[in-house]
PDB file of N, CA and C in Angstrom:
ATOM      1  N   UNK A   1       0.836  -1.173   0.000  1.00  0.00           N
ATOM      2  CA  UNK A   1       0.000   0.000   0.000  1.00  0.00           C
ATOM      3  C   UNK A   1       0.879   1.233   0.000  1.00  0.00           C
ATOM      4  N   UNK A   2       0.421   2.226  -0.712  1.00  0.00           N
ATOM      5  CA  UNK A   2       1.212   3.427  -0.866  1.00  0.00           C
ATOM      6  C   UNK A   2       0.410   4.662  -0.487  1.00  0.00           C
ATOM      7  N   UNK A   3       1.136   5.724  -0.159  1.00  0.00           N
ATOM      8  CA  UNK A   3       0.503   7.004   0.146  1.00  0.00           C
ATOM      9  C   UNK A   3       0.813   7.975  -0.984  1.00  0.00           C
ATOM     10  N   UNK A   4      -0.196   8.734  -1.383  1.00  0.00           N
ATOM     11  CA  UNK A   4      -0.026   9.730  -2.432  1.00  0.00           C
ATOM     12  C   UNK A   4      -0.898  10.922  -2.164  1.00  0.00           C
ATOM     13  N   UNK A   5      -0.532  12.036  -2.832  1.00  0.00           N
ATOM     14  CA  UNK A   5      -1.451  13.147  -2.972  1.00  0.00           C
ATOM     15  C   UNK A   5      -2.134  12.926  -4.304  1.00  0.00           C
ATOM     16  N   UNK A   6      -3.448  12.907  -4.292  1.00  0.00           N
ATOM     17  CA  UNK A   6      -4.202  12.662  -5.509  1.00  0.00           C
ATOM     18  C   UNK A   6      -5.115  13.835  -5.784  1.00  0.00           C
ATOM     19  N   UNK A   7      -5.384  14.066  -7.064  1.00  0.00           N
ATOM     20  CA  UNK A   7      -6.291  15.124  -7.477  1.00  0.00           C
ATOM     21  C   UNK A   7      -7.688  14.552  -7.623  1.00  0.00           C
ATOM     22  N   UNK A   8      -8.652  15.204  -7.032  1.00  0.00           N
ATOM     23  CA  UNK A   8     -10.050  14.779  -7.150  1.00  0.00           C
ATOM     24  C   UNK A   8     -10.539  15.165  -8.541  1.00  0.00           C
ATOM     25  N   UNK A   9     -11.059  14.187  -9.301  1.00  0.00           N
ATOM     26  CA  UNK A   9     -11.535  14.464 -10.655  1.00  0.00           C
ATOM     27  C   UNK A   9     -13.052  14.374 -10.780  1.00  0.00           C
ATOM     28  N   UNK A  10     -13.714  13.625  -9.898  1.00  0.00           N
ATOM     29  CA  UNK A  10     -15.164  13.491  -9.922  1.00  0.00           C
ATOM     30  C   UNK A  10     -15.655  13.331  -8.492  1.00  0.00           C
ATOM     31  N   UNK A  11     -16.773  13.970  -8.171  1.00  0.00           N
ATOM     32  CA  UNK A  11     -17.402  13.801  -6.867  1.00  0.00           C
ATOM     33  C   UNK A  11     -18.836  13.359  -7.106  1.00  0.00           C
ATOM     34  N   UNK A  12     -19.251  12.311  -6.404  1.00  0.00           N
ATOM     35  CA  UNK A  12     -20.606  11.773  -6.517  1.00  0.00           C
ATOM     36  C   UNK A  12     -21.126  11.494  -5.108  1.00  0.00           C
ATOM     37  N   UNK A  13     -22.427  11.242  -4.972  1.00  0.00           N
ATOM     38  CA  UNK A  13     -22.970  10.945  -3.640  1.00  0.00           C
ATOM     39  C   UNK A  13     -22.344   9.711  -2.986  1.00  0.00           C
ATOM     40  N   UNK A  14     -21.761   8.811  -3.776  1.00  0.00           N
ATOM     41  CA  UNK A  14     -21.194   7.577  -3.215  1.00  0.00           C
ATOM     42  C   UNK A  14     -19.701   7.668  -2.945  1.00  0.00           C
ATOM     43  N   UNK A  15     -19.048   8.743  -3.417  1.00  0.00           N
ATOM     44  CA  UNK A  15     -17.623   8.866  -3.191  1.00  0.00           C
ATOM     45  C   UNK A  15     -16.973   9.792  -4.194  1.00  0.00           C
ATOM     46  N   UNK A  16     -15.650   9.681  -4.316  1.00  0.00           N
ATOM     47  CA  UNK A  16     -14.895  10.557  -5.211  1.00  0.00           C
ATOM     48  C   UNK A  16     -13.897   9.748  -6.020  1.00  0.00           C
ATOM     49  N   UNK A  17     -13.767  10.108  -7.289  1.00  0.00           N
ATOM     50  CA  UNK A  17     -12.736   9.515  -8.135  1.00  0.00           C
ATOM     51  C   UNK A  17     -11.522  10.430  -8.071  1.00  0.00           C
ATOM     52  N   UNK A  18     -10.347   9.828  -7.923  1.00  0.00           N
ATOM     53  CA  UNK A  18      -9.111  10.589  -7.837  1.00  0.00           C
ATOM     54  C   UNK A  18      -8.132  10.082  -8.883  1.00  0.00           C
ATOM     55  N   UNK A  19      -7.112  10.895  -9.151  1.00  0.00           N
ATOM     56  CA  UNK A  19      -6.122  10.520 -10.156  1.00  0.00           C
ATOM     57  C   UNK A  19      -4.744  10.988  -9.731  1.00  0.00           C
ATOM     58  N   UNK A  20      -3.754  10.140  -9.978  1.00  0.00           N
ATOM     59  CA  UNK A  20      -2.358  10.520  -9.780  1.00  0.00           C
ATOM     60  C   UNK A  20      -1.547   9.907 -10.911  1.00  0.00           C
ATOM     61  N   UNK A  21      -0.787  10.703 -11.580  1.00  0.00           N
ATOM     62  CA  UNK A  21       0.052  10.214 -12.668  1.00  0.00           C
ATOM     63  C   UNK A  21      -0.706   9.450 -13.735  1.00  0.00           C
ATOM     64  N   UNK A  22      -1.937   9.840 -14.010  1.00  0.00           N
ATOM     65  CA  UNK A  22      -2.738   9.170 -15.029  1.00  0.00           C
ATOM     66  C   UNK A  22      -3.472   7.932 -14.547  1.00  0.00           C
ATOM     67  N   UNK A  23      -3.244   7.512 -13.319  1.00  0.00           N
ATOM     68  CA  UNK A  23      -3.920   6.333 -12.767  1.00  0.00           C
ATOM     69  C   UNK A  23      -5.105   6.783 -11.912  1.00  0.00           C
ATOM     70  N   UNK A  24      -6.226   6.079 -12.061  1.00  0.00           N
ATOM     71  CA  UNK A  24      -7.448   6.434 -11.331  1.00  0.00           C
ATOM     72  C   UNK A  24      -7.558   5.633 -10.043  1.00  0.00           C
ATOM     73  N   UNK A  25      -8.296   6.175  -9.098  1.00  0.00           N
ATOM     74  CA  UNK A  25      -8.617   5.491  -7.850  1.00  0.00           C
ATOM     75  C   UNK A  25      -9.973   5.969  -7.369  1.00  0.00           C
ATOM     76  N   UNK A  26     -10.539   5.289  -6.382  1.00  0.00           N
ATOM     77  CA  UNK A  26     -11.853   5.641  -5.866  1.00  0.00           C
ATOM     78  C   UNK A  26     -11.818   5.689  -4.351  1.00  0.00           C
ATOM     79  N   UNK A  27     -12.422   6.739  -3.788  1.00  0.00           N
ATOM     80  CA  UNK A  27     -12.569   6.872  -2.342  1.00  0.00           C
ATOM     81  C   UNK A  27     -14.056   6.803  -2.031  1.00  0.00           C
ATOM     82  N   UNK A  28     -14.475   5.748  -1.364  1.00  0.00           N
ATOM     83  CA  UNK A  28     -15.868   5.620  -0.933  1.00  0.00           C
ATOM     84  C   UNK A  28     -16.172   6.747   0.037  1.00  0.00           C
ATOM     85  N   UNK A  29     -17.399   7.224   0.037  1.00  0.00           N
ATOM     86  CA  UNK A  29     -17.770   8.345   0.906  1.00  0.00           C
ATOM     87  C   UNK A  29     -17.421   8.100   2.374  1.00  0.00           C
ATOM     88  N   UNK A  30     -17.527   6.861   2.841  1.00  0.00           N
ATOM     89  CA  UNK A  30     -17.230   6.582   4.251  1.00  0.00           C
ATOM     90  C   UNK A  30     -15.734   6.526   4.529  1.00  0.00           C
ATOM     91  N   UNK A  31     -14.908   6.603   3.493  1.00  0.00           N
ATOM     92  CA  UNK A  31     -13.453   6.628   3.665  1.00  0.00           C
ATOM     93  C   UNK A  31     -12.920   8.057   3.581  1.00  0.00           C
ATOM     94  N   UNK A  32     -13.822   9.021   3.669  1.00  0.00           N
ATOM     95  CA  UNK A  32     -13.426  10.432   3.698  1.00  0.00           C
ATOM     96  C   UNK A  32     -13.979  11.029   4.990  1.00  0.00           C
ATOM     97  N   UNK A  33     -13.172  11.776   5.735  1.00  0.00           N
ATOM     98  CA  UNK A  33     -13.612  12.267   7.045  1.00  0.00           C
ATOM     99  C   UNK A  33     -14.839  13.173   7.002  1.00  0.00           C
ATOM    100  N   UNK A  34     -15.164  13.753   5.865  1.00  0.00           N
ATOM    101  CA  UNK A  34     -16.349  14.621   5.795  1.00  0.00           C
ATOM    102  C   UNK A  34     -17.634  13.830   6.024  1.00  0.00           C
ATOM    103  N   UNK A  35     -17.587  12.522   5.802  1.00  0.00           N
ATOM    104  CA  UNK A  35     -18.748  11.675   6.055  1.00  0.00           C
ATOM    105  C   UNK A  35     -19.034  11.592   7.558  1.00  0.00           C
ATOM    106  N   UNK A  36     -17.983  11.631   8.373  1.00  0.00           N
ATOM    107  CA  UNK A  36     -18.102  11.455   9.819  1.00  0.00           C
ATOM    108  C   UNK A  36     -18.090  12.764  10.596  1.00  0.00           C
ATOM    109  N   UNK A  37     -17.540  13.826  10.006  1.00  0.00           N
ATOM    110  CA  UNK A  37     -17.351  15.071  10.734  1.00  0.00           C
ATOM    111  C   UNK A  37     -17.864  16.237   9.900  1.00  0.00           C
ATOM    112  N   UNK A  38     -18.939  16.871  10.342  1.00  0.00           N
ATOM    113  CA  UNK A  38     -19.544  17.962   9.568  1.00  0.00           C
ATOM    114  C   UNK A  38     -18.631  19.183   9.476  1.00  0.00           C
ATOM    115  N   UNK A  39     -17.577  19.242  10.291  1.00  0.00           N
ATOM    116  CA  UNK A  39     -16.630  20.350  10.232  1.00  0.00           C
ATOM    117  C   UNK A  39     -15.545  20.158   9.176  1.00  0.00           C
ATOM    118  N   UNK A  40     -15.505  18.980   8.544  1.00  0.00           N
ATOM    119  CA  UNK A  40     -14.528  18.691   7.493  1.00  0.00           C
ATOM    120  C   UNK A  40     -15.209  18.896   6.145  1.00  0.00           C
ATOM    121  N   UNK A  41     -14.568  19.670   5.285  1.00  0.00           N
ATOM    122  CA  UNK A  41     -15.129  19.928   3.955  1.00  0.00           C
ATOM    123  C   UNK A  41     -15.089  18.661   3.108  1.00  0.00           C
ATOM    124  N   UNK A  42     -16.125  18.424   2.317  1.00  0.00           N
ATOM    125  CA  UNK A  42     -16.111  17.266   1.414  1.00  0.00           C
ATOM    126  C   UNK A  42     -15.086  17.469   0.305  1.00  0.00           C
ATOM    127  N   UNK A  43     -14.721  16.404  -0.394  1.00  0.00           N
ATOM    128  CA  UNK A  43     -13.769  16.558  -1.493  1.00  0.00           C
ATOM    129  C   UNK A  43     -14.351  17.463  -2.581  1.00  0.00           C
ATOM    130  N   UNK A  44     -13.484  18.202  -3.237  1.00  0.00           N
ATOM    131  CA  UNK A  44     -13.884  19.120  -4.306  1.00  0.00           C
ATOM    132  C   UNK A  44     -13.097  18.788  -5.570  1.00  0.00           C
ATOM    133  N   UNK A  45     -13.748  18.858  -6.708  1.00  0.00           N
ATOM    134  CA  UNK A  45     -13.066  18.622  -7.982  1.00  0.00           C
ATOM    135  C   UNK A  45     -11.893  19.588  -8.115  1.00  0.00           C
ATOM    136  N   UNK A  46     -10.744  19.044  -8.478  1.00  0.00           N
ATOM    137  CA  UNK A  46      -9.524  19.834  -8.610  1.00  0.00           C
ATOM    138  C   UNK A  46      -8.703  19.913  -7.342  1.00  0.00           C
ATOM    139  N   UNK A  47      -9.305  19.542  -6.212  1.00  0.00           N
ATOM    140  CA  UNK A  47      -8.577  19.563  -4.953  1.00  0.00           C
ATOM    141  C   UNK A  47      -7.603  18.403  -4.853  1.00  0.00           C
ATOM    142  N   UNK A  48      -6.541  18.579  -4.084  1.00  0.00           N
ATOM    143  CA  UNK A  48      -5.588  17.496  -3.845  1.00  0.00           C
ATOM    144  C   UNK A  48      -5.783  16.986  -2.434  1.00  0.00           C
ATOM    145  N   UNK A  49      -5.827  15.666  -2.296  1.00  0.00           N
ATOM    146  CA  UNK A  49      -5.969  15.047  -0.984  1.00  0.00           C
ATOM    147  C   UNK A  49      -4.942  13.944  -0.826  1.00  0.00           C
ATOM    148  N   UNK A  50      -4.554  13.719   0.401  1.00  0.00           N
ATOM    149  CA  UNK A  50      -3.579  12.685   0.756  1.00  0.00           C
ATOM    150  C   UNK A  50      -4.337  11.376   0.953  1.00  0.00           C
ATOM    151  N   UNK A  51      -3.970  10.340   0.213  1.00  0.00           N
ATOM    152  CA  UNK A  51      -4.700   9.081   0.285  1.00  0.00           C
ATOM    153  C   UNK A  51      -3.764   7.908   0.531  1.00  0.00           C
ATOM    154  N   UNK A  52      -4.354   6.819   0.995  1.00  0.00           N
ATOM    155  CA  UNK A  52      -3.660   5.542   1.156  1.00  0.00           C
ATOM    156  C   UNK A  52      -4.446   4.511   0.360  1.00  0.00           C
ATOM    157  N   UNK A  53      -3.745   3.681  -0.404  1.00  0.00           N
ATOM    158  CA  UNK A  53      -4.394   2.622  -1.175  1.00  0.00           C
ATOM    159  C   UNK A  53      -4.805   1.513  -0.215  1.00  0.00           C
ATOM    160  N   UNK A  54      -6.085   1.178  -0.213  1.00  0.00           N
ATOM    161  CA  UNK A  54      -6.600   0.084   0.613  1.00  0.00           C
ATOM    162  C   UNK A  54      -6.621  -1.227  -0.153  1.00  0.00           C
ATOM    163  N   UNK A  55      -7.021  -1.180  -1.420  1.00  0.00           N
ATOM    164  CA  UNK A  55      -7.168  -2.389  -2.225  1.00  0.00           C
ATOM    165  C   UNK A  55      -6.774  -2.083  -3.658  1.00  0.00           C
ATOM    166  N   UNK A  56      -5.525  -2.381  -3.995  1.00  0.00           N
ATOM    167  CA  UNK A  56      -5.002  -2.101  -5.333  1.00  0.00           C
ATOM    168  C   UNK A  56      -5.504  -3.100  -6.370  1.00  0.00           C
ATOM    169  N   UNK A  57      -6.095  -4.204  -5.936  1.00  0.00           N
ATOM    170  CA  UNK A  57      -6.557  -5.235  -6.872  1.00  0.00           C
ATOM    171  C   UNK A  57      -7.917  -4.931  -7.473  1.00  0.00           C
ATOM    172  N   UNK A  58      -8.650  -3.992  -6.892  1.00  0.00           N
ATOM    173  CA  UNK A  58      -9.966  -3.636  -7.434  1.00  0.00           C
ATOM    174  C   UNK A  58      -9.800  -2.637  -8.567  1.00  0.00           C
ATOM    175  N   UNK A  59     -10.811  -2.527  -9.390  1.00  0.00           N
ATOM    176  CA  UNK A  59     -10.761  -1.605 -10.517  1.00  0.00           C
ATOM    177  C   UNK A  59     -11.910  -0.623 -10.430  1.00  0.00           C
ATOM    178  N   UNK A  60     -11.677   0.645 -10.185  1.00  0.00           N
ATOM    179  CA  UNK A  60     -10.372   1.238  -9.889  1.00  0.00           C
ATOM    180  C   UNK A  60      -9.937   0.913  -8.461  1.00  0.00           C
ATOM    181  N   UNK A  61      -8.649   1.061  -8.168  1.00  0.00           N
ATOM    182  CA  UNK A  61      -8.172   0.782  -6.809  1.00  0.00           C
ATOM    183  C   UNK A  61      -8.945   1.596  -5.773  1.00  0.00           C
ATOM    184  N   UNK A  62      -9.187   0.992  -4.617  1.00  0.00           N
ATOM    185  CA  UNK A  62      -9.909   1.662  -3.534  1.00  0.00           C
ATOM    186  C   UNK A  62      -8.917   2.336  -2.602  1.00  0.00           C
ATOM    187  N   UNK A  63      -9.260   3.565  -2.198  1.00  0.00           N
ATOM    188  CA  UNK A  63      -8.363   4.379  -1.384  1.00  0.00           C
ATOM    189  C   UNK A  63      -9.123   4.969  -0.209  1.00  0.00           C
ATOM    190  N   UNK A  64      -8.374   5.526   0.735  1.00  0.00           N
ATOM    191  CA  UNK A  64      -8.975   6.179   1.896  1.00  0.00           C
ATOM    192  C   UNK A  64      -8.273   7.499   2.151  1.00  0.00           C
ATOM    193  N   UNK A  65      -9.020   8.411   2.749  1.00  0.00           N
ATOM    194  CA  UNK A  65      -8.464   9.702   3.155  1.00  0.00           C
ATOM    195  C   UNK A  65      -8.592   9.875   4.668  1.00  0.00           C
ATOM    196  N   UNK A  66      -9.064   8.857   5.377  1.00  0.00           N
ATOM    197  CA  UNK A  66      -9.267   8.944   6.823  1.00  0.00           C
ATOM    198  C   UNK A  66      -7.944   8.838   7.569  1.00  0.00           C
ATOM    199  N   UNK A  67      -7.742   9.719   8.541  1.00  0.00           N
ATOM    200  CA  UNK A  67      -6.493   9.718   9.305  1.00  0.00           C
ATOM    201  C   UNK A  67      -6.224   8.386   9.976  1.00  0.00           C
ATOM    202  N   UNK A  68      -7.239   7.753  10.543  1.00  0.00           N
ATOM    203  CA  UNK A  68      -7.039   6.480  11.226  1.00  0.00           C
ATOM    204  C   UNK A  68      -6.495   5.410  10.299  1.00  0.00           C
ATOM    205  N   UNK A  69      -6.975   5.379   9.064  1.00  0.00           N
ATOM    206  CA  UNK A  69      -6.474   4.399   8.093  1.00  0.00           C
ATOM    207  C   UNK A  69      -5.026   4.708   7.729  1.00  0.00           C
ATOM    208  N   UNK A  70      -4.717   5.993   7.550  1.00  0.00           N
ATOM    209  CA  UNK A  70      -3.337   6.356   7.210  1.00  0.00           C
ATOM    210  C   UNK A  70      -2.406   6.017   8.366  1.00  0.00           C
ATOM    211  N   UNK A  71      -2.836   6.294   9.605  1.00  0.00           N
ATOM    212  CA  UNK A  71      -2.012   5.993  10.773  1.00  0.00           C
ATOM    213  C   UNK A  71      -1.795   4.494  10.924  1.00  0.00           C
ATOM    214  N   UNK A  72      -2.857   3.719  10.704  1.00  0.00           N
ATOM    215  CA  UNK A  72      -2.765   2.259  10.820  1.00  0.00           C
ATOM    216  C   UNK A  72      -1.798   1.710   9.771  1.00  0.00           C
ATOM    217  N   UNK A  73      -1.888   2.203   8.536  1.00  0.00           N
ATOM    218  CA  UNK A  73      -1.002   1.728   7.480  1.00  0.00           C
ATOM    219  C   UNK A  73       0.445   2.083   7.799  1.00  0.00           C
ATOM    220  N   UNK A  74       0.667   3.262   8.343  1.00  0.00           N
ATOM    221  CA  UNK A  74       2.033   3.653   8.715  1.00  0.00           C
ATOM    222  C   UNK A  74       2.587   2.706   9.772  1.00  0.00           C
ATOM    223  N   UNK A  75       1.762   2.300  10.729  1.00  0.00           N
ATOM    224  CA  UNK A  75       2.206   1.358  11.768  1.00  0.00           C
ATOM    225  C   UNK A  75       2.537   0.002  11.165  1.00  0.00           C
ATOM    226  N   UNK A  76       1.730  -0.440  10.215  1.00  0.00           N
ATOM    227  CA  UNK A  76       1.996  -1.731   9.547  1.00  0.00           C
ATOM    228  C   UNK A  76       3.312  -1.657   8.796  1.00  0.00           C
ATOM    229  N   UNK A  77       3.529  -0.581   8.072  1.00  0.00           N
ATOM    230  CA  UNK A  77       4.779  -0.440   7.304  1.00  0.00           C
ATOM    231  C   UNK A  77       5.992  -0.414   8.234  1.00  0.00           C
ATOM    232  N   UNK A  78       5.866   0.261   9.385  1.00  0.00           N
ATOM    233  CA  UNK A  78       6.981   0.275  10.346  1.00  0.00           C
ATOM    234  C   UNK A  78       7.276  -1.128  10.838  1.00  0.00           C
ATOM    235  N   UNK A  79       6.233  -1.901  11.162  1.00  0.00           N
ATOM    236  CA  UNK A  79       6.450  -3.255  11.672  1.00  0.00           C
ATOM    237  C   UNK A  79       7.023  -4.158  10.588  1.00  0.00           C
ATOM    238  N   UNK A  80       6.639  -3.950   9.324  1.00  0.00           N
ATOM    239  CA  UNK A  80       7.195  -4.748   8.227  1.00  0.00           C
ATOM    240  C   UNK A  80       8.692  -4.510   8.099  1.00  0.00           C
ATOM    241  N   UNK A  81       9.132  -3.277   8.321  1.00  0.00           N
ATOM    242  CA  UNK A  81      10.565  -2.972   8.226  1.00  0.00           C
ATOM    243  C   UNK A  81      11.347  -3.601   9.371  1.00  0.00           C
ATOM    244  N   UNK A  82      10.691  -3.834  10.509  1.00  0.00           N
ATOM    245  CA  UNK A  82      11.369  -4.375  11.679  1.00  0.00           C
ATOM    246  C   UNK A  82      11.446  -5.900  11.670  1.00  0.00           C
ATOM    247  N   UNK A  83      10.585  -6.570  10.888  1.00  0.00           N
ATOM    248  CA  UNK A  83      10.582  -8.024  10.852  1.00  0.00           C
ATOM    249  C   UNK A  83      11.803  -8.542  10.122  1.00  0.00           C
ATOM    250  N   UNK A  84      12.397  -9.646  10.586  1.00  0.00           N
ATOM    251  CA  UNK A  84      13.540 -10.231   9.877  1.00  0.00           C
ATOM    252  C   UNK A  84      13.118 -10.700   8.499  1.00  0.00           C
ATOM    253  N   UNK A  85      14.031 -10.559   7.524  1.00  0.00           N
ATOM    254  CA  UNK A  85      13.731 -10.935   6.146  1.00  0.00           C
ATOM    255  C   UNK A  85      13.541 -12.444   5.990  1.00  0.00           C
ATOM    256  N   UNK A  86      14.329 -13.213   6.686  1.00  0.00           N
ATOM    257  CA  UNK A  86      14.160 -14.670   6.651  1.00  0.00           C
ATOM    258  C   UNK A  86      14.606 -15.229   7.989  1.00  0.00           C
ATOM    259  N   UNK A  87      14.027 -16.343   8.364  1.00  0.00           N
ATOM    260  CA  UNK A  87      14.374 -16.924   9.640  1.00  0.00           C
ATOM    261  C   UNK A  87      15.115 -18.230   9.408  1.00  0.00           C
ATOM    262  N   UNK A  88      16.046 -18.524  10.273  1.00  0.00           N
ATOM    263  CA  UNK A  88      16.806 -19.765  10.193  1.00  0.00           C
ATOM    264  C   UNK A  88      17.936 -19.730   9.189  1.00  0.00           C
ATOM    265  N   UNK A  89      18.162 -18.593   8.542  1.00  0.00           N
ATOM    266  CA  UNK A  89      19.199 -18.495   7.556  1.00  0.00           C
ATOM    267  C   UNK A  89      20.566 -18.459   8.251  1.00  0.00           C
ATOM    268  N   UNK A  90      21.504 -19.197   7.721  1.00  0.00           N
ATOM    269  CA  UNK A  90      22.851 -19.196   8.266  1.00  0.00           C
ATOM    270  C   UNK A  90      23.076 -20.178   9.390  1.00  0.00           C
ATOM    271  N   UNK A  91      22.047 -20.921   9.801  1.00  0.00           N
ATOM    272  CA  UNK A  91      22.254 -21.891  10.863  1.00  0.00           C
ATOM    273  C   UNK A  91      22.524 -23.248  10.246  1.00  0.00           C
ATOM    274  N   UNK A  92      23.209 -24.098  10.959  1.00  0.00           N
ATOM    275  CA  UNK A  92      23.386 -25.433  10.425  1.00  0.00           C
ATOM    276  C   UNK A  92      24.598 -26.067  10.803  1.00  0.00           C
TER     277      UNK A  92
END
């Protein structure tokens, strides 16, 4: 999973389509904080938002803009870097 700044290209009642480097992605309305917090502005066409890819295998890939998802992904990436690459190597 990767983090990017993406440009909002379409906004609909069900979510927003975003684009980065010619690649499209989709943010479901519940994956944007404006769905949960009336003080957060909804996505706007032409706006740039920071997203995390949740499911790159779907077409278009599914993304999130929620802080909790971004924080959780950052924690996973940190733990992946700390895990040994292989176990039992060099013993014998």
